[in-house]
N, C-alpha and C. Protein backbone atom coordinates (compact mmCIF):
# COMPACT_ATOMS: atom_id res chain seq x y z
N MET A 1 44.57 -124.88 65.70
CA MET A 1 43.50 -125.00 64.88
C MET A 1 42.49 -124.38 64.80
N PHE A 2 41.49 -124.49 65.12
CA PHE A 2 40.18 -124.58 65.19
C PHE A 2 40.46 -122.35 64.97
N ASN A 3 41.69 -121.93 66.24
CA ASN A 3 41.22 -120.66 66.17
C ASN A 3 41.87 -120.78 64.73
N LYS A 4 42.77 -120.28 64.06
CA LYS A 4 42.99 -120.49 62.28
C LYS A 4 42.30 -120.81 62.04
N PHE A 5 41.40 -121.48 61.93
CA PHE A 5 40.01 -121.62 61.02
C PHE A 5 38.27 -120.86 60.92
N LEU A 6 38.99 -120.08 62.69
CA LEU A 6 37.60 -119.26 62.57
C LEU A 6 38.08 -117.82 62.33
N CYS A 7 39.67 -117.57 62.80
CA CYS A 7 40.34 -116.58 61.44
C CYS A 7 40.51 -116.29 60.16
N SER A 8 40.24 -117.76 59.51
CA SER A 8 40.16 -117.04 58.02
C SER A 8 38.61 -117.37 57.68
N ILE A 9 38.16 -117.88 58.26
CA ILE A 9 36.42 -117.09 57.57
C ILE A 9 35.94 -115.90 58.56
N ALA A 10 36.81 -115.58 59.17
CA ALA A 10 36.32 -114.02 60.06
C ALA A 10 36.55 -113.04 58.38
N MET A 11 38.29 -113.74 57.84
CA MET A 11 39.06 -112.36 56.97
C MET A 11 37.77 -112.60 55.87
N ILE A 12 37.40 -114.13 55.44
CA ILE A 12 36.69 -114.11 54.09
C ILE A 12 35.32 -113.21 54.29
N VAL A 13 34.50 -113.31 55.06
CA VAL A 13 33.68 -112.86 55.50
C VAL A 13 34.02 -110.87 54.97
N SER A 14 34.86 -110.65 55.71
CA SER A 14 35.18 -109.46 56.08
C SER A 14 35.74 -108.83 54.67
N MET A 15 36.03 -109.81 53.73
CA MET A 15 36.45 -109.21 52.74
C MET A 15 35.59 -109.52 51.54
N SER A 16 34.39 -110.07 51.87
CA SER A 16 33.27 -109.58 51.04
C SER A 16 32.20 -108.55 51.25
N PHE A 17 32.68 -108.32 52.50
CA PHE A 17 31.59 -107.07 53.38
C PHE A 17 32.54 -105.38 52.39
N LEU A 18 33.96 -105.91 52.21
CA LEU A 18 35.33 -104.90 52.35
C LEU A 18 34.40 -104.39 50.14
N VAL A 19 34.49 -105.86 49.16
CA VAL A 19 33.98 -105.90 47.81
C VAL A 19 33.18 -104.78 47.53
N GLN A 20 31.58 -105.39 48.38
CA GLN A 20 30.76 -104.73 48.04
C GLN A 20 30.66 -103.17 48.72
N VAL A 21 31.38 -102.83 49.61
CA VAL A 21 31.00 -101.07 49.16
C VAL A 21 32.54 -101.44 48.68
N SER A 22 33.31 -101.34 47.97
CA SER A 22 34.29 -100.85 46.83
C SER A 22 32.90 -101.03 45.31
N PHE A 23 32.78 -101.99 45.54
CA PHE A 23 31.69 -101.82 43.70
C PHE A 23 30.65 -101.12 44.10
N ALA A 24 29.74 -100.29 45.21
CA ALA A 24 28.77 -99.64 45.49
C ALA A 24 29.18 -98.26 45.67
N ALA A 25 30.36 -97.84 45.68
CA ALA A 25 31.22 -96.33 45.75
C ALA A 25 31.96 -96.25 44.36
N ASP A 26 32.17 -97.53 43.43
CA ASP A 26 31.98 -96.35 41.64
C ASP A 26 31.05 -96.76 40.69
N ILE A 27 29.97 -96.93 41.26
CA ILE A 27 29.07 -96.68 40.36
C ILE A 27 28.63 -95.32 40.75
N LYS A 28 29.34 -94.24 39.66
CA LYS A 28 28.62 -93.20 39.15
C LYS A 28 27.61 -93.12 38.14
N CYS A 29 27.83 -91.35 37.45
CA CYS A 29 27.13 -91.36 36.75
C CYS A 29 27.29 -92.79 35.00
N GLY A 30 27.34 -92.79 34.18
CA GLY A 30 27.06 -93.36 33.55
C GLY A 30 27.17 -95.08 33.75
N ALA A 31 26.85 -95.19 35.02
CA ALA A 31 26.59 -96.74 35.39
C ALA A 31 25.80 -97.29 34.55
N SER A 32 24.59 -97.10 34.06
CA SER A 32 23.80 -97.58 32.99
C SER A 32 24.48 -96.95 31.36
N ALA A 33 24.94 -97.93 30.49
CA ALA A 33 24.50 -97.42 29.37
C ALA A 33 22.98 -96.37 28.59
N LYS A 34 22.30 -97.61 29.17
CA LYS A 34 20.71 -96.99 28.27
C LYS A 34 20.28 -95.15 29.03
N ASP A 35 20.51 -95.18 30.02
CA ASP A 35 20.37 -94.18 30.97
C ASP A 35 22.11 -93.58 31.34
N PRO A 36 22.85 -92.99 31.35
CA PRO A 36 24.03 -92.62 31.55
C PRO A 36 23.20 -91.71 32.68
N ASP A 37 22.54 -90.92 32.78
CA ASP A 37 21.96 -89.42 33.82
C ASP A 37 21.36 -90.65 34.63
N ALA A 38 20.42 -91.20 34.21
CA ALA A 38 19.86 -91.86 36.07
C ALA A 38 20.50 -91.23 37.48
N GLU A 39 21.61 -91.29 37.44
CA GLU A 39 22.12 -91.28 39.13
C GLU A 39 22.34 -90.01 39.02
N CYS A 40 22.35 -88.98 38.21
CA CYS A 40 22.16 -87.58 38.59
C CYS A 40 21.14 -86.42 38.97
N ALA A 41 21.12 -84.89 39.70
CA ALA A 41 20.42 -85.10 40.24
C ALA A 41 19.93 -84.00 38.35
N LYS A 42 18.85 -83.84 39.12
CA LYS A 42 17.60 -83.12 38.01
C LYS A 42 18.29 -81.59 37.85
N GLY A 43 18.66 -81.11 36.68
CA GLY A 43 18.91 -80.64 35.96
C GLY A 43 20.76 -80.56 35.90
N THR A 44 21.15 -81.86 36.05
CA THR A 44 23.08 -82.09 35.76
C THR A 44 22.68 -83.32 34.63
N VAL A 45 24.27 -83.27 34.44
CA VAL A 45 23.81 -84.19 32.96
C VAL A 45 25.09 -85.18 33.38
N CYS A 46 25.19 -85.99 32.97
CA CYS A 46 26.70 -87.15 33.11
C CYS A 46 27.55 -86.79 32.40
N ILE A 47 28.93 -86.01 33.11
CA ILE A 47 29.82 -85.96 31.91
C ILE A 47 30.73 -86.50 31.96
N LEU A 48 30.41 -87.86 30.35
CA LEU A 48 31.38 -89.02 30.18
C LEU A 48 32.53 -89.06 30.19
N ALA A 49 32.89 -87.68 29.12
CA ALA A 49 34.28 -87.42 28.60
C ALA A 49 35.03 -87.46 29.76
N MET A 50 34.99 -86.65 31.40
CA MET A 50 35.97 -86.86 32.40
C MET A 50 35.82 -88.30 32.60
N ASP A 51 37.13 -88.42 33.77
CA ASP A 51 37.04 -89.86 34.32
C ASP A 51 37.93 -89.61 35.87
N PRO A 52 36.60 -89.92 36.08
CA PRO A 52 35.84 -90.88 35.84
C PRO A 52 34.66 -89.72 36.29
N PRO A 53 33.92 -90.29 35.44
CA PRO A 53 33.04 -89.80 34.22
C PRO A 53 32.15 -89.19 36.35
N VAL A 54 31.77 -87.51 35.29
CA VAL A 54 30.96 -87.10 36.83
C VAL A 54 29.64 -86.38 36.19
N CYS A 55 28.50 -86.57 37.17
CA CYS A 55 27.28 -85.49 36.92
C CYS A 55 27.88 -84.12 37.33
N LYS A 56 27.91 -82.50 36.22
CA LYS A 56 27.66 -81.54 36.36
C LYS A 56 26.34 -81.12 35.49
N PRO A 57 25.99 -79.16 35.53
CA PRO A 57 25.81 -79.03 34.70
C PRO A 57 25.93 -79.12 33.63
N PRO A 58 24.99 -78.49 32.35
CA PRO A 58 26.15 -78.71 30.80
C PRO A 58 26.94 -77.84 31.10
N LEU A 59 27.88 -78.25 29.86
CA LEU A 59 29.05 -77.71 29.73
C LEU A 59 28.84 -76.81 28.72
N GLU A 60 30.09 -75.35 28.78
CA GLU A 60 29.97 -74.35 27.91
C GLU A 60 30.43 -74.60 27.06
N LYS A 61 30.54 -73.69 25.58
CA LYS A 61 31.43 -73.78 24.01
C LYS A 61 32.93 -74.32 24.26
N GLY A 62 33.06 -74.76 23.81
CA GLY A 62 34.48 -75.83 23.88
C GLY A 62 34.74 -76.81 25.28
N LYS A 63 33.71 -77.33 25.54
CA LYS A 63 34.61 -77.98 26.90
C LYS A 63 34.67 -79.58 25.83
N ALA A 64 35.99 -80.78 26.28
CA ALA A 64 35.77 -81.47 25.92
C ALA A 64 34.07 -82.52 26.09
N CYS A 65 32.98 -83.65 24.73
CA CYS A 65 32.38 -83.94 24.93
C CYS A 65 32.27 -85.34 24.62
N LYS A 66 31.64 -85.98 24.73
CA LYS A 66 31.41 -87.44 23.83
C LYS A 66 29.83 -87.33 23.54
N ARG A 67 28.78 -86.58 24.16
CA ARG A 67 27.36 -86.93 23.45
C ARG A 67 27.17 -85.22 23.74
N ASP A 68 25.64 -84.90 22.72
CA ASP A 68 25.71 -83.79 22.66
C ASP A 68 24.51 -83.44 24.01
N LYS A 69 23.35 -84.45 24.42
CA LYS A 69 23.14 -83.49 26.03
C LYS A 69 23.86 -82.87 26.81
N VAL A 70 25.40 -83.05 27.03
CA VAL A 70 26.25 -82.92 27.83
C VAL A 70 26.73 -81.31 27.51
N CYS A 71 26.28 -80.73 26.66
CA CYS A 71 26.64 -79.98 26.21
C CYS A 71 25.49 -78.33 26.23
N SER A 72 25.58 -76.85 26.60
CA SER A 72 24.41 -76.15 27.35
C SER A 72 23.70 -76.01 25.88
N SER A 73 24.81 -76.33 24.44
CA SER A 73 23.93 -75.77 23.31
C SER A 73 22.88 -77.04 22.71
N ASN A 74 23.24 -78.22 23.21
CA ASN A 74 23.01 -79.46 23.47
C ASN A 74 23.62 -79.88 21.41
N LYS A 75 24.80 -79.23 21.26
CA LYS A 75 25.61 -79.84 20.14
C LYS A 75 27.28 -80.53 20.78
N CYS A 76 27.53 -81.95 20.62
CA CYS A 76 29.07 -82.11 20.36
C CYS A 76 29.42 -82.27 19.41
N GLU A 77 30.21 -81.43 18.92
CA GLU A 77 30.96 -81.89 17.77
C GLU A 77 31.94 -83.11 17.73
N LYS A 78 32.27 -84.22 16.88
CA LYS A 78 33.19 -85.21 16.89
C LYS A 78 34.04 -85.08 15.36
N THR A 79 34.76 -85.57 15.55
CA THR A 79 35.46 -86.12 13.89
C THR A 79 35.21 -87.28 14.02
N ALA A 80 35.05 -87.86 12.50
CA ALA A 80 34.84 -88.67 12.65
C ALA A 80 35.32 -89.55 13.11
N GLY A 81 35.70 -90.91 13.68
CA GLY A 81 36.24 -91.20 14.57
C GLY A 81 36.68 -91.52 16.01
N ALA A 82 36.58 -90.36 15.68
CA ALA A 82 36.89 -90.12 17.60
C ALA A 82 35.88 -89.99 18.56
N ASP A 83 37.04 -90.67 19.89
CA ASP A 83 35.65 -90.32 21.07
C ASP A 83 35.16 -89.27 21.39
N LYS A 84 35.86 -88.71 21.51
CA LYS A 84 35.72 -87.17 22.26
C LYS A 84 35.22 -86.27 21.19
N GLY A 85 34.62 -84.86 21.66
CA GLY A 85 35.05 -84.22 20.90
C GLY A 85 34.39 -82.63 21.39
N THR A 86 33.62 -81.64 20.91
CA THR A 86 34.07 -80.16 21.48
C THR A 86 32.41 -79.93 21.80
N CYS A 87 32.19 -79.23 22.65
CA CYS A 87 30.62 -78.67 22.47
C CYS A 87 30.93 -77.80 21.92
N ALA A 88 29.90 -77.28 21.00
CA ALA A 88 30.24 -76.27 19.99
C ALA A 88 28.63 -74.98 20.24
């Protein structure tokens, strides 16, 4: 009985560590709505149009975008109501 109790406690503790590691691995660029580029290195921006979002250099004309800053031209053209646009 005592061994089962110890085993269950050990499993709970190990699962809590596993969950924390999983969440830490999920923190990528775009984690903050106020500053999605905070996790990116200098000279890279968070490409929110990618799934999952990743840090990359600004995109060239014709690439998928969700905001102006990710484009080299600094212009993301989106049609009304569209979630994604295209770098101009």
